[in-house]
C-alpha atoms as a PDB file:
ATOM      1  CA  MET A   1     -54.735  64.260  25.433  1.00  0.00           C
ATOM      2  CA  GLN A   2     -57.453  64.055  28.088  1.00  0.00           C
ATOM      3  CA  ARG A   3     -54.913  62.668  30.556  1.00  0.00           C
ATOM      4  CA  ILE A   4     -52.520  65.551  29.808  1.00  0.00           C
ATOM      5  CA  VAL A   5     -55.297  68.121  30.228  1.00  0.00           C
ATOM      6  CA  LEU A   6     -56.238  66.533  33.553  1.00  0.00           C
ATOM      7  CA  CYS A   7     -52.593  66.760  34.693  1.00  0.00           C
ATOM      8  CA  VAL A   8     -52.569  70.464  33.827  1.00  0.00           C
ATOM      9  CA  ARG A   9     -55.876  71.146  35.586  1.00  0.00           C
ATOM     10  CA  LEU A  10     -54.723  69.394  38.760  1.00  0.00           C
ATOM     11  CA  ALA A  11     -51.353  71.156  38.725  1.00  0.00           C
ATOM     12  CA  LEU A  12     -52.562  74.752  38.308  1.00  0.00           C
ATOM     13  CA  PRO A  13     -54.114  75.354  41.763  1.00  0.00           C
ATOM     14  CA  LYS A  14     -51.240  73.648  43.603  1.00  0.00           C
ATOM     15  CA  ALA A  15     -48.637  75.551  41.610  1.00  0.00           C
ATOM     16  CA  THR A  16     -50.461  78.868  42.092  1.00  0.00           C
ATOM     17  CA  HIS A  17     -50.621  78.339  45.854  1.00  0.00           C
ATOM     18  CA  THR A  18     -46.890  77.547  45.991  1.00  0.00           C
ATOM     19  CA  ILE A  19     -45.954  80.487  43.733  1.00  0.00           C
ATOM     20  CA  VAL A  20     -47.871  82.949  45.910  1.00  0.00           C
ATOM     21  CA  TRP A  21     -46.263  81.528  49.045  1.00  0.00           C
ATOM     22  CA  LEU A  22     -42.753  81.730  47.575  1.00  0.00           C
ATOM     23  CA  LEU A  23     -43.201  85.271  46.260  1.00  0.00           C
ATOM     24  CA  LYS A  24     -44.517  86.398  49.658  1.00  0.00           C
ATOM     25  CA  LEU A  25     -41.107  85.308  50.977  1.00  0.00           C
ATOM     26  CA  MET A  26     -38.862  86.404  48.123  1.00  0.00           C
ATOM     27  CA  LEU A  27     -40.155  89.887  47.335  1.00  0.00           C
ATOM     28  CA  PRO A  28     -40.092  91.365  50.874  1.00  0.00           C
ATOM     29  CA  VAL A  29     -36.611  89.877  51.498  1.00  0.00           C
ATOM     30  CA  ALA A  30     -35.323  91.420  48.262  1.00  0.00           C
ATOM     31  CA  LEU A  31     -36.772  94.813  49.226  1.00  0.00           C
ATOM     32  CA  LEU A  32     -35.259  94.604  52.708  1.00  0.00           C
ATOM     33  CA  VAL A  33     -31.815  93.768  51.316  1.00  0.00           C
ATOM     34  CA  SER A  34     -32.058  96.665  48.848  1.00  0.00           C
ATOM     35  CA  PHE A  35     -32.638  99.048  51.732  1.00  0.00           C
ATOM     36  CA  LEU A  36     -29.848  97.438  53.771  1.00  0.00           C
ATOM     37  CA  GLN A  37     -27.512  98.171  50.862  1.00  0.00           C
ATOM     38  CA  TYR A  38     -28.874 101.709  50.571  1.00  0.00           C
ATOM     39  CA  TRP A  39     -28.371 102.368  54.279  1.00  0.00           C
ATOM     40  CA  GLY A  40     -24.833 100.898  54.229  1.00  0.00           C
ATOM     41  CA  VAL A  41     -25.645  98.009  56.577  1.00  0.00           C
ATOM     42  CA  MET A  42     -24.240  95.391  54.169  1.00  0.00           C
ATOM     43  CA  GLY A  43     -20.888  97.178  54.015  1.00  0.00           C
ATOM     44  CA  TRP A  44     -20.841  97.520  57.792  1.00  0.00           C
ATOM     45  CA  LEU A  45     -21.447  93.776  58.270  1.00  0.00           C
ATOM     46  CA  SER A  46     -18.747  92.955  55.734  1.00  0.00           C
ATOM     47  CA  GLY A  47     -16.264  95.081  57.628  1.00  0.00           C
ATOM     48  CA  TYR A  48     -16.798  93.041  60.787  1.00  0.00           C
ATOM     49  CA  LEU A  49     -16.392  89.747  58.895  1.00  0.00           C
ATOM     50  CA  SER A  50     -13.190  90.767  57.105  1.00  0.00           C
ATOM     51  CA  PRO A  51     -10.794  89.325  59.746  1.00  0.00           C
ATOM     52  CA  VAL A  52     -12.494  85.915  59.452  1.00  0.00           C
ATOM     53  CA  PHE A  53     -12.145  85.839  55.681  1.00  0.00           C
ATOM     54  CA  ILE A  54      -8.446  86.613  55.782  1.00  0.00           C
ATOM     55  CA  HIS A  55      -7.925  83.289  57.617  1.00  0.00           C
ATOM     56  CA  ILE A  56      -9.529  81.301  54.785  1.00  0.00           C
ATOM     57  CA  GLY A  57      -7.390  82.797  52.036  1.00  0.00           C
ATOM     58  CA  LEU A  58      -9.731  85.613  51.047  1.00  0.00           C
ATOM     59  CA  PRO A  59      -9.232  89.390  51.136  1.00  0.00           C
ATOM     60  CA  GLY A  60     -11.449  91.272  53.572  1.00  0.00           C
ATOM     61  CA  VAL A  61     -13.418  92.949  50.763  1.00  0.00           C
ATOM     62  CA  SER A  62     -14.719  89.543  49.655  1.00  0.00           C
ATOM     63  CA  ALA A  63     -16.886  89.391  52.778  1.00  0.00           C
ATOM     64  CA  ILE A  64     -19.462  91.584  51.067  1.00  0.00           C
ATOM     65  CA  VAL A  65     -19.844  88.904  48.372  1.00  0.00           C
ATOM     66  CA  PHE A  66     -20.694  86.234  50.945  1.00  0.00           C
ATOM     67  CA  ILE A  67     -23.030  88.559  52.862  1.00  0.00           C
ATOM     68  CA  THR A  68     -24.866  89.317  49.614  1.00  0.00           C
ATOM     69  CA  SER A  69     -25.199  85.603  48.867  1.00  0.00           C
ATOM     70  CA  LEU A  70     -26.882  84.935  52.213  1.00  0.00           C
ATOM     71  CA  PHE A  71     -29.826  87.099  51.224  1.00  0.00           C
ATOM     72  CA  LEU A  72     -29.962  87.078  47.422  1.00  0.00           C
ATOM     73  CA  PRO A  73     -29.736  84.681  44.441  1.00  0.00           C
ATOM     74  CA  LEU A  74     -26.400  84.019  42.757  1.00  0.00           C
ATOM     75  CA  TYR A  75     -27.044  86.461  39.917  1.00  0.00           C
ATOM     76  CA  SER A  76     -26.637  89.273  42.449  1.00  0.00           C
ATOM     77  CA  VAL A  77     -23.461  87.629  43.774  1.00  0.00           C
ATOM     78  CA  LEU A  78     -21.926  87.578  40.283  1.00  0.00           C
ATOM     79  CA  ALA A  79     -22.782  91.256  39.885  1.00  0.00           C
ATOM     80  CA  VAL A  80     -20.873  92.078  43.075  1.00  0.00           C
ATOM     81  CA  ILE A  81     -17.888  89.906  42.087  1.00  0.00           C
ATOM     82  CA  ALA A  82     -17.737  91.778  38.772  1.00  0.00           C
ATOM     83  CA  THR A  83     -17.031  95.005  40.678  1.00  0.00           C
ATOM     84  CA  LEU A  84     -13.993  93.569  42.508  1.00  0.00           C
ATOM     85  CA  THR A  85     -10.473  92.690  41.419  1.00  0.00           C
ATOM     86  CA  LEU A  86      -9.895  89.164  42.693  1.00  0.00           C
ATOM     87  CA  GLY A  87      -7.684  86.260  41.700  1.00  0.00           C
ATOM     88  CA  MET A  88      -9.497  83.262  40.245  1.00  0.00           C
ATOM     89  CA  ARG A  89      -8.298  81.261  43.267  1.00  0.00           C
ATOM     90  CA  GLU A  90     -10.207  83.630  45.565  1.00  0.00           C
ATOM     91  CA  VAL A  91     -13.254  83.614  43.254  1.00  0.00           C
ATOM     92  CA  THR A  92     -13.258  79.785  43.361  1.00  0.00           C
ATOM     93  CA  ILE A  93     -13.295  79.754  47.169  1.00  0.00           C
ATOM     94  CA  LEU A  94     -16.036  82.389  47.233  1.00  0.00           C
ATOM     95  CA  ALA A  95     -17.994  80.441  44.623  1.00  0.00           C
ATOM     96  CA  ILE A  96     -18.262  77.281  46.701  1.00  0.00           C
ATOM     97  CA  MET A  97     -19.243  79.276  49.800  1.00  0.00           C
ATOM     98  CA  CYS A  98     -21.988  81.098  47.908  1.00  0.00           C
ATOM     99  CA  LEU A  99     -23.174  77.934  46.148  1.00  0.00           C
ATOM    100  CA  ILE A 100     -23.870  76.389  49.550  1.00  0.00           C
ATOM    101  CA  SER A 101     -25.293  79.418  51.378  1.00  0.00           C
ATOM    102  CA  HIS A 102     -27.069  81.615  48.824  1.00  0.00           C
ATOM    103  CA  SER A 103     -30.689  82.767  49.371  1.00  0.00           C
ATOM    104  CA  LEU A 104     -30.438  81.428  52.901  1.00  0.00           C
ATOM    105  CA  ILE A 105     -33.573  82.991  54.382  1.00  0.00           C
ATOM    106  CA  ILE A 106     -35.892  81.976  51.542  1.00  0.00           C
ATOM    107  CA  GLU A 107     -34.546  78.472  51.026  1.00  0.00           C
ATOM    108  CA  THR A 108     -34.449  77.687  54.749  1.00  0.00           C
ATOM    109  CA  ALA A 109     -38.082  78.773  55.077  1.00  0.00           C
ATOM    110  CA  VAL A 110     -38.973  76.410  52.231  1.00  0.00           C
ATOM    111  CA  GLN A 111     -37.119  73.549  53.925  1.00  0.00           C
ATOM    112  CA  LYS A 112     -38.961  74.249  57.181  1.00  0.00           C
ATOM    113  CA  ARG A 113     -42.232  73.496  55.383  1.00  0.00           C
ATOM    114  CA  THR A 114     -40.973  69.958  54.746  1.00  0.00           C
ATOM    115  CA  GLY A 115     -40.211  69.307  58.415  1.00  0.00           C
ATOM    116  CA  SER A 116     -36.566  70.343  58.791  1.00  0.00           C
ATOM    117  CA  SER A 117     -35.301  72.480  61.663  1.00  0.00           C
ATOM    118  CA  VAL A 118     -34.517  76.091  60.711  1.00  0.00           C
ATOM    119  CA  PHE A 119     -31.639  76.158  63.187  1.00  0.00           C
ATOM    120  CA  ASN A 120     -30.150  72.918  61.847  1.00  0.00           C
ATOM    121  CA  MET A 121     -30.368  74.067  58.231  1.00  0.00           C
ATOM    122  CA  LEU A 122     -28.772  77.440  59.016  1.00  0.00           C
ATOM    123  CA  VAL A 123     -25.935  75.851  60.967  1.00  0.00           C
ATOM    124  CA  VAL A 124     -25.326  73.214  58.296  1.00  0.00           C
ATOM    125  CA  ARG A 125     -25.275  75.612  55.357  1.00  0.00           C
ATOM    126  CA  VAL A 126     -23.174  78.373  56.906  1.00  0.00           C
ATOM    127  CA  GLY A 127     -20.901  75.868  58.671  1.00  0.00           C
ATOM    128  CA  MET A 128     -20.363  73.817  55.524  1.00  0.00           C
ATOM    129  CA  SER A 129     -19.640  77.001  53.569  1.00  0.00           C
ATOM    130  CA  PHE A 130     -16.670  77.751  55.802  1.00  0.00           C
ATOM    131  CA  ILE A 131     -15.563  74.110  55.949  1.00  0.00           C
ATOM    132  CA  ALA A 132     -15.581  74.012  52.137  1.00  0.00           C
ATOM    133  CA  ALA A 133     -13.629  77.285  52.034  1.00  0.00           C
ATOM    134  CA  VAL A 134     -10.990  75.956  54.450  1.00  0.00           C
ATOM    135  CA  LEU A 135     -10.757  72.750  52.384  1.00  0.00           C
ATOM    136  CA  LEU A 136     -10.272  74.605  49.108  1.00  0.00           C
ATOM    137  CA  ASN A 137      -7.809  77.058  50.652  1.00  0.00           C
ATOM    138  CA  TRP A 138      -5.749  74.023  51.668  1.00  0.00           C
ATOM    139  CA  LEU A 139      -6.104  72.113  48.384  1.00  0.00           C
ATOM    140  CA  LEU A 140      -5.911  74.816  45.737  1.00  0.00           C
ATOM    141  CA  PRO A 141      -2.427  75.708  44.466  1.00  0.00           C
ATOM    142  CA  THR A 142      -1.325  79.261  45.220  1.00  0.00           C
ATOM    143  CA  THR A 143      -0.068  79.936  41.692  1.00  0.00           C
ATOM    144  CA  GLY A 144      -1.332  79.526  38.158  1.00  0.00           C
ATOM    145  CA  PHE A 145      -4.626  81.369  38.600  1.00  0.00           C
ATOM    146  CA  ALA A 146      -5.587  84.365  36.497  1.00  0.00           C
ATOM    147  CA  VAL A 147      -6.774  87.637  37.986  1.00  0.00           C
ATOM    148  CA  SER A 148     -10.414  88.542  37.472  1.00  0.00           C
ATOM    149  CA  HIS A 149     -10.403  92.284  36.892  1.00  0.00           C
ATOM    150  CA  SER A 150     -13.463  94.304  37.782  1.00  0.00           C
ATOM    151  CA  THR A 151     -15.634  94.938  34.742  1.00  0.00           C
ATOM    152  CA  GLU A 152     -18.537  96.844  36.250  1.00  0.00           C
ATOM    153  CA  GLN A 153     -19.237  99.523  38.781  1.00  0.00           C
ATOM    154  CA  MET A 154     -21.226  98.677  41.877  1.00  0.00           C
ATOM    155  CA  LEU A 155     -24.811  99.874  41.444  1.00  0.00           C
ATOM    156  CA  ARG A 156     -25.203 103.005  43.566  1.00  0.00           C
ATOM    157  CA  LEU A 157     -28.704 103.658  44.837  1.00  0.00           C
ATOM    158  CA  THR A 158     -28.772 107.314  45.844  1.00  0.00           C
ATOM    159  CA  ALA A 159     -32.454 107.779  46.666  1.00  0.00           C
ATOM    160  CA  VAL A 160     -35.362 105.802  48.092  1.00  0.00           C
ATOM    161  CA  TRP A 161     -37.071 106.052  44.694  1.00  0.00           C
ATOM    162  CA  ASP A 162     -34.056 104.336  43.088  1.00  0.00           C
ATOM    163  CA  VAL A 163     -34.352 101.500  45.587  1.00  0.00           C
ATOM    164  CA  LEU A 164     -38.067 101.008  44.934  1.00  0.00           C
ATOM    165  CA  LEU A 165     -37.679 101.250  41.156  1.00  0.00           C
ATOM    166  CA  GLN A 166     -34.848  98.702  41.073  1.00  0.00           C
ATOM    167  CA  TRP A 167     -36.826  96.368  43.350  1.00  0.00           C
ATOM    168  CA  ALA A 168     -39.927  96.679  41.158  1.00  0.00           C
ATOM    169  CA  LYS A 169     -37.949  95.748  38.024  1.00  0.00           C
ATOM    170  CA  THR A 170     -36.276  92.719  39.611  1.00  0.00           C
ATOM    171  CA  SER A 171     -39.565  91.645  41.257  1.00  0.00           C
ATOM    172  CA  MET A 172     -41.352  91.589  37.909  1.00  0.00           C
ATOM    173  CA  ILE A 173     -38.622  89.431  36.367  1.00  0.00           C
ATOM    174  CA  LEU A 174     -38.565  87.158  39.425  1.00  0.00           C
ATOM    175  CA  THR A 175     -42.358  86.723  39.389  1.00  0.00           C
ATOM    176  CA  ILE A 176     -42.317  85.674  35.731  1.00  0.00           C
ATOM    177  CA  LYS A 177     -39.412  83.273  36.280  1.00  0.00           C
ATOM    178  CA  VAL A 178     -40.913  81.649  39.397  1.00  0.00           C
ATOM    179  CA  SER A 179     -44.328  81.272  37.726  1.00  0.00           C
ATOM    180  CA  LEU A 180     -42.998  79.701  34.539  1.00  0.00           C
ATOM    181  CA  ILE A 181     -40.707  77.287  36.381  1.00  0.00           C
ATOM    182  CA  LEU A 182     -43.216  76.122  38.974  1.00  0.00           C
ATOM    183  CA  TYR A 183     -46.201  75.809  36.640  1.00  0.00           C
ATOM    184  CA  GLY A 184     -44.051  73.759  34.284  1.00  0.00           C
ATOM    185  CA  LEU A 185     -42.577  71.710  37.119  1.00  0.00           C
ATOM    186  CA  PHE A 186     -45.908  70.814  38.727  1.00  0.00           C
ATOM    187  CA  ILE A 187     -47.428  69.890  35.364  1.00  0.00           C
ATOM    188  CA  PHE A 188     -44.368  67.789  34.543  1.00  0.00           C
ATOM    189  CA  GLN A 189     -44.587  66.022  37.906  1.00  0.00           C
ATOM    190  CA  ASN A 190     -48.275  65.221  37.366  1.00  0.00           C
ATOM    191  CA  ILE A 191     -47.539  63.803  33.918  1.00  0.00           C
ATOM    192  CA  LEU A 192     -44.755  61.628  35.337  1.00  0.00           C
ATOM    193  CA  ASN A 193     -47.114  60.422  38.038  1.00  0.00           C
ATOM    194  CA  GLU A 194     -49.961  59.780  35.582  1.00  0.00           C
ATOM    195  CA  TYR A 195     -47.796  57.550  33.380  1.00  0.00           C
ATOM    196  CA  ASN A 196     -45.997  55.907  36.341  1.00  0.00           C
ATOM    197  CA  TRP A 197     -42.635  57.364  35.293  1.00  0.00           C
ATOM    198  CA  LEU A 198     -41.855  58.553  38.832  1.00  0.00           C
ATOM    199  CA  ASN A 199     -41.368  54.945  39.852  1.00  0.00           C
ATOM    200  CA  LYS A 200     -39.029  54.379  36.896  1.00  0.00           C
ATOM    201  CA  ILE A 201     -36.986  57.450  37.891  1.00  0.00           C
ATOM    202  CA  SER A 202     -36.787  56.112  41.452  1.00  0.00           C
ATOM    203  CA  ILE A 203     -35.520  52.771  40.190  1.00  0.00           C
ATOM    204  CA  PHE A 204     -32.947  54.454  37.926  1.00  0.00           C
ATOM    205  CA  PHE A 205     -31.517  56.663  40.680  1.00  0.00           C
ATOM    206  CA  ALA A 206     -31.959  54.123  43.516  1.00  0.00           C
ATOM    207  CA  PRO A 207     -28.276  52.981  43.580  1.00  0.00           C
ATOM    208  CA  LEU A 208     -27.121  56.614  43.700  1.00  0.00           C
ATOM    209  CA  MET A 209     -29.575  57.437  46.498  1.00  0.00           C
ATOM    210  CA  GLN A 210     -28.322  54.424  48.468  1.00  0.00           C
ATOM    211  CA  PHE A 211     -24.736  55.643  47.976  1.00  0.00           C
ATOM    212  CA  PHE A 212     -25.726  59.084  49.294  1.00  0.00           C
ATOM    213  CA  GLY A 213     -27.534  57.566  52.300  1.00  0.00           C
ATOM    214  CA  LEU A 214     -30.965  58.659  51.060  1.00  0.00           C
ATOM    215  CA  SER A 215     -34.256  56.847  50.462  1.00  0.00           C
ATOM    216  CA  ARG A 216     -35.064  55.796  46.900  1.00  0.00           C
ATOM    217  CA  GLU A 217     -38.429  57.564  47.283  1.00  0.00           C
ATOM    218  CA  VAL A 218     -36.658  60.942  47.072  1.00  0.00           C
ATOM    219  CA  SER A 219     -35.006  60.167  43.714  1.00  0.00           C
ATOM    220  CA  PHE A 220     -37.208  62.496  41.673  1.00  0.00           C
ATOM    221  CA  LEU A 221     -36.959  65.250  44.282  1.00  0.00           C
ATOM    222  CA  TRP A 222     -33.171  64.943  44.321  1.00  0.00           C
ATOM    223  CA  PHE A 223     -33.143  65.198  40.517  1.00  0.00           C
ATOM    224  CA  VAL A 224     -35.318  68.342  40.599  1.00  0.00           C
ATOM    225  CA  ALA A 225     -33.140  69.951  43.295  1.00  0.00           C
ATOM    226  CA  GLN A 226     -30.016  69.314  41.221  1.00  0.00           C
ATOM    227  CA  THR A 227     -31.465  70.706  38.010  1.00  0.00           C
ATOM    228  CA  LEU A 228     -33.666  73.578  39.239  1.00  0.00           C
ATOM    229  CA  GLY A 229     -32.266  74.408  42.666  1.00  0.00           C
ATOM    230  CA  LEU A 230     -33.215  74.140  46.300  1.00  0.00           C
ATOM    231  CA  ALA A 231     -36.144  76.572  46.425  1.00  0.00           C
ATOM    232  CA  TYR A 232     -37.957  75.092  43.423  1.00  0.00           C
ATOM    233  CA  GLY A 233     -36.940  71.556  44.374  1.00  0.00           C
ATOM    234  CA  SER A 234     -38.173  71.981  47.915  1.00  0.00           C
ATOM    235  CA  ALA A 235     -41.455  73.385  46.612  1.00  0.00           C
ATOM    236  CA  VAL A 236     -42.064  69.992  45.027  1.00  0.00           C
ATOM    237  CA  VAL A 237     -40.901  68.274  48.237  1.00  0.00           C
ATOM    238  CA  ILE A 238     -43.607  70.227  50.094  1.00  0.00           C
ATOM    239  CA  GLU A 239     -46.267  68.951  47.714  1.00  0.00           C
ATOM    240  CA  GLN A 240     -45.099  65.340  47.944  1.00  0.00           C
ATOM    241  CA  VAL A 241     -44.805  65.427  51.753  1.00  0.00           C
ATOM    242  CA  GLU A 242     -48.249  66.995  52.177  1.00  0.00           C
ATOM    243  CA  THR A 243     -49.819  64.364  49.899  1.00  0.00           C
ATOM    244  CA  GLY A 244     -48.001  61.517  51.685  1.00  0.00           C
ATOM    245  CA  MET A 245     -45.912  60.476  48.663  1.00  0.00           C
ATOM    246  CA  VAL A 246     -42.712  61.022  50.684  1.00  0.00           C
ATOM    247  CA  GLU A 247     -42.295  60.573  54.429  1.00  0.00           C
ATOM    248  CA  LYS A 248     -41.083  63.549  56.462  1.00  0.00           C
ATOM    249  CA  LYS A 249     -38.052  61.684  57.779  1.00  0.00           C
ATOM    250  CA  ASP A 250     -36.919  60.954  54.219  1.00  0.00           C
ATOM    251  CA  ALA A 251     -37.578  64.551  53.153  1.00  0.00           C
ATOM    252  CA  ASN A 252     -35.625  65.808  56.164  1.00  0.00           C
ATOM    253  CA  MET A 253     -32.602  63.687  55.252  1.00  0.00           C
ATOM    254  CA  LEU A 254     -32.828  64.903  51.666  1.00  0.00           C
ATOM    255  CA  ASN A 255     -32.840  68.468  52.986  1.00  0.00           C
ATOM    256  CA  TYR A 256     -29.491  67.865  54.697  1.00  0.00           C
ATOM    257  CA  HIS A 257     -28.036  66.630  51.422  1.00  0.00           C
ATOM    258  CA  ILE A 258     -29.388  69.415  49.213  1.00  0.00           C
ATOM    259  CA  ALA A 259     -28.521  72.045  51.818  1.00  0.00           C
ATOM    260  CA  VAL A 260     -24.908  71.443  50.784  1.00  0.00           C
ATOM    261  CA  ASN A 261     -25.275  70.030  47.289  1.00  0.00           C
ATOM    262  CA  HIS A 262     -27.991  71.424  45.038  1.00  0.00           C
ATOM    263  CA  SER A 263     -28.418  73.047  41.623  1.00  0.00           C
ATOM    264  CA  LEU A 264     -25.462  71.223  40.113  1.00  0.00           C
ATOM    265  CA  LEU A 265     -26.641  72.393  36.700  1.00  0.00           C
ATOM    266  CA  GLU A 266     -27.665  76.071  36.652  1.00  0.00           C
ATOM    267  CA  ASP A 267     -25.686  77.468  39.592  1.00  0.00           C
ATOM    268  CA  THR A 268     -22.510  75.634  38.628  1.00  0.00           C
ATOM    269  CA  LEU A 269     -22.753  76.935  35.061  1.00  0.00           C
ATOM    270  CA  LEU A 270     -23.130  80.504  36.355  1.00  0.00           C
ATOM    271  CA  PHE A 271     -19.697  80.389  37.967  1.00  0.00           C
ATOM    272  CA  ALA A 272     -18.214  78.382  35.112  1.00  0.00           C
ATOM    273  CA  SER A 273     -19.223  81.269  32.831  1.00  0.00           C
ATOM    274  CA  ILE A 274     -16.758  83.568  34.643  1.00  0.00           C
ATOM    275  CA  GLY A 275     -13.904  81.061  34.522  1.00  0.00           C
ATOM    276  CA  VAL A 276     -14.299  79.032  37.739  1.00  0.00           C
ATOM    277  CA  SER A 277     -13.279  75.368  37.392  1.00  0.00           C
ATOM    278  CA  VAL A 278     -16.327  73.084  37.553  1.00  0.00           C
ATOM    279  CA  LEU A 279     -14.254  70.359  39.220  1.00  0.00           C
ATOM    280  CA  TRP A 280     -13.409  72.493  42.254  1.00  0.00           C
ATOM    281  CA  ILE A 281     -16.997  73.597  42.913  1.00  0.00           C
ATOM    282  CA  VAL A 282     -18.785  70.292  42.213  1.00  0.00           C
ATOM    283  CA  VAL A 283     -16.676  67.498  43.732  1.00  0.00           C
ATOM    284  CA  PRO A 284     -16.272  69.115  47.201  1.00  0.00           C
ATOM    285  CA  ARG A 285     -20.024  69.785  47.464  1.00  0.00           C
ATOM    286  CA  ILE A 286     -20.904  66.202  46.567  1.00  0.00           C
ATOM    287  CA  GLY A 287     -18.279  64.868  48.973  1.00  0.00           C
ATOM    288  CA  LEU A 288     -19.380  67.088  51.874  1.00  0.00           C
ATOM    289  CA  ALA A 289     -23.064  66.205  51.338  1.00  0.00           C
ATOM    290  CA  LEU A 290     -22.157  62.509  51.308  1.00  0.00           C
ATOM    291  CA  LEU A 291     -20.166  62.789  54.557  1.00  0.00           C
ATOM    292  CA  LEU A 292     -22.859  64.907  56.200  1.00  0.00           C
ATOM    293  CA  VAL A 293     -25.722  62.480  55.578  1.00  0.00           C
ATOM    294  CA  TRP A 294     -23.746  59.377  56.585  1.00  0.00           C
ATOM    295  CA  GLY A 295     -22.455  61.284  59.615  1.00  0.00           C
ATOM    296  CA  ILE A 296     -26.045  62.004  60.671  1.00  0.00           C
ATOM    297  CA  HIS A 297     -26.932  58.314  60.250  1.00  0.00           C
ATOM    298  CA  ALA A 298     -23.985  57.406  62.502  1.00  0.00           C
ATOM    299  CA  PHE A 299     -24.914  60.085  65.060  1.00  0.00           C
ATOM    300  CA  ARG A 300     -28.487  58.783  65.270  1.00  0.00           C
ATOM    301  CA  ARG A 301     -27.259  55.254  65.941  1.00  0.00           C
ATOM    302  CA  ILE A 302     -25.020  56.483  68.766  1.00  0.00           C
ATOM    303  CA  PHE A 303     -27.566  58.955  70.174  1.00  0.00           C
ATOM    304  CA  PRO A 304     -31.002  57.594  69.182  1.00  0.00           C
ATOM    305  CA  THR A 305     -32.901  59.969  71.451  1.00  0.00           C
ATOM    306  CA  VAL A 306     -31.422  63.117  69.917  1.00  0.00           C
ATOM    307  CA  LYS A 307     -33.456  64.498  67.026  1.00  0.00           C
ATOM    308  CA  LEU A 308     -31.741  65.950  63.975  1.00  0.00           C
END
């Protein structure tokens, strides 16, 4: 019991510091996006992207879904999808794009703390979103998909007070969620470390990490990123990099992988709940992450002086 209590005591200040840092990113971004929606900027951006989306098998109106995903978590994306009438084929293509590129500003900022280039992460995530969309548009059959009829009305914010009130409600929920997850995660990590279970996890996942082109030292971090997502996973990466448990070069390579393939549990289940096939949104992400990391290894051998 004393060892458990010590793990909790050591975890609390680190977790609190990380929670405050994350919320200082998340809450202002959410407020900004709320005002962008209120001012009509999101719709304006979507209008300009519509011609691009038509070429990847999506109607122009679906651009607003992708734009929303760049700034906000997937729960907001599902709310927007619920207001549109789309075929399940189109929803599947949108799903894989949003799974790769959601919460882009926040998650890229988190990855920067672990030594990855902001520019590289942005290019990889947005680029891979469109590559995945092109791939699915080519692979998915054009028939046999149901139509997802709109079930909700888009939330209309008609006054500044409405914007602030909605932001305050979502911020309170987000603060509670972030705090519970990160306090629990940091305590859990300390317990694993105290009882030397981190090493056992590394050994268990070592063959998989080798297959993905990653270091075995990132096994636990990879597991966290797949179960809790990129933002929370990267928060633990930050702690392990800053304490020297993981080298920056290994964390950077992990960031390339989880930029494309993360939150295989929660985020995948969100889209599965509205009828999207798990196969079509899991296998391509794993495959693209695998090719990306091994491609970077090959590029570094050919151009050793170029930093990625």
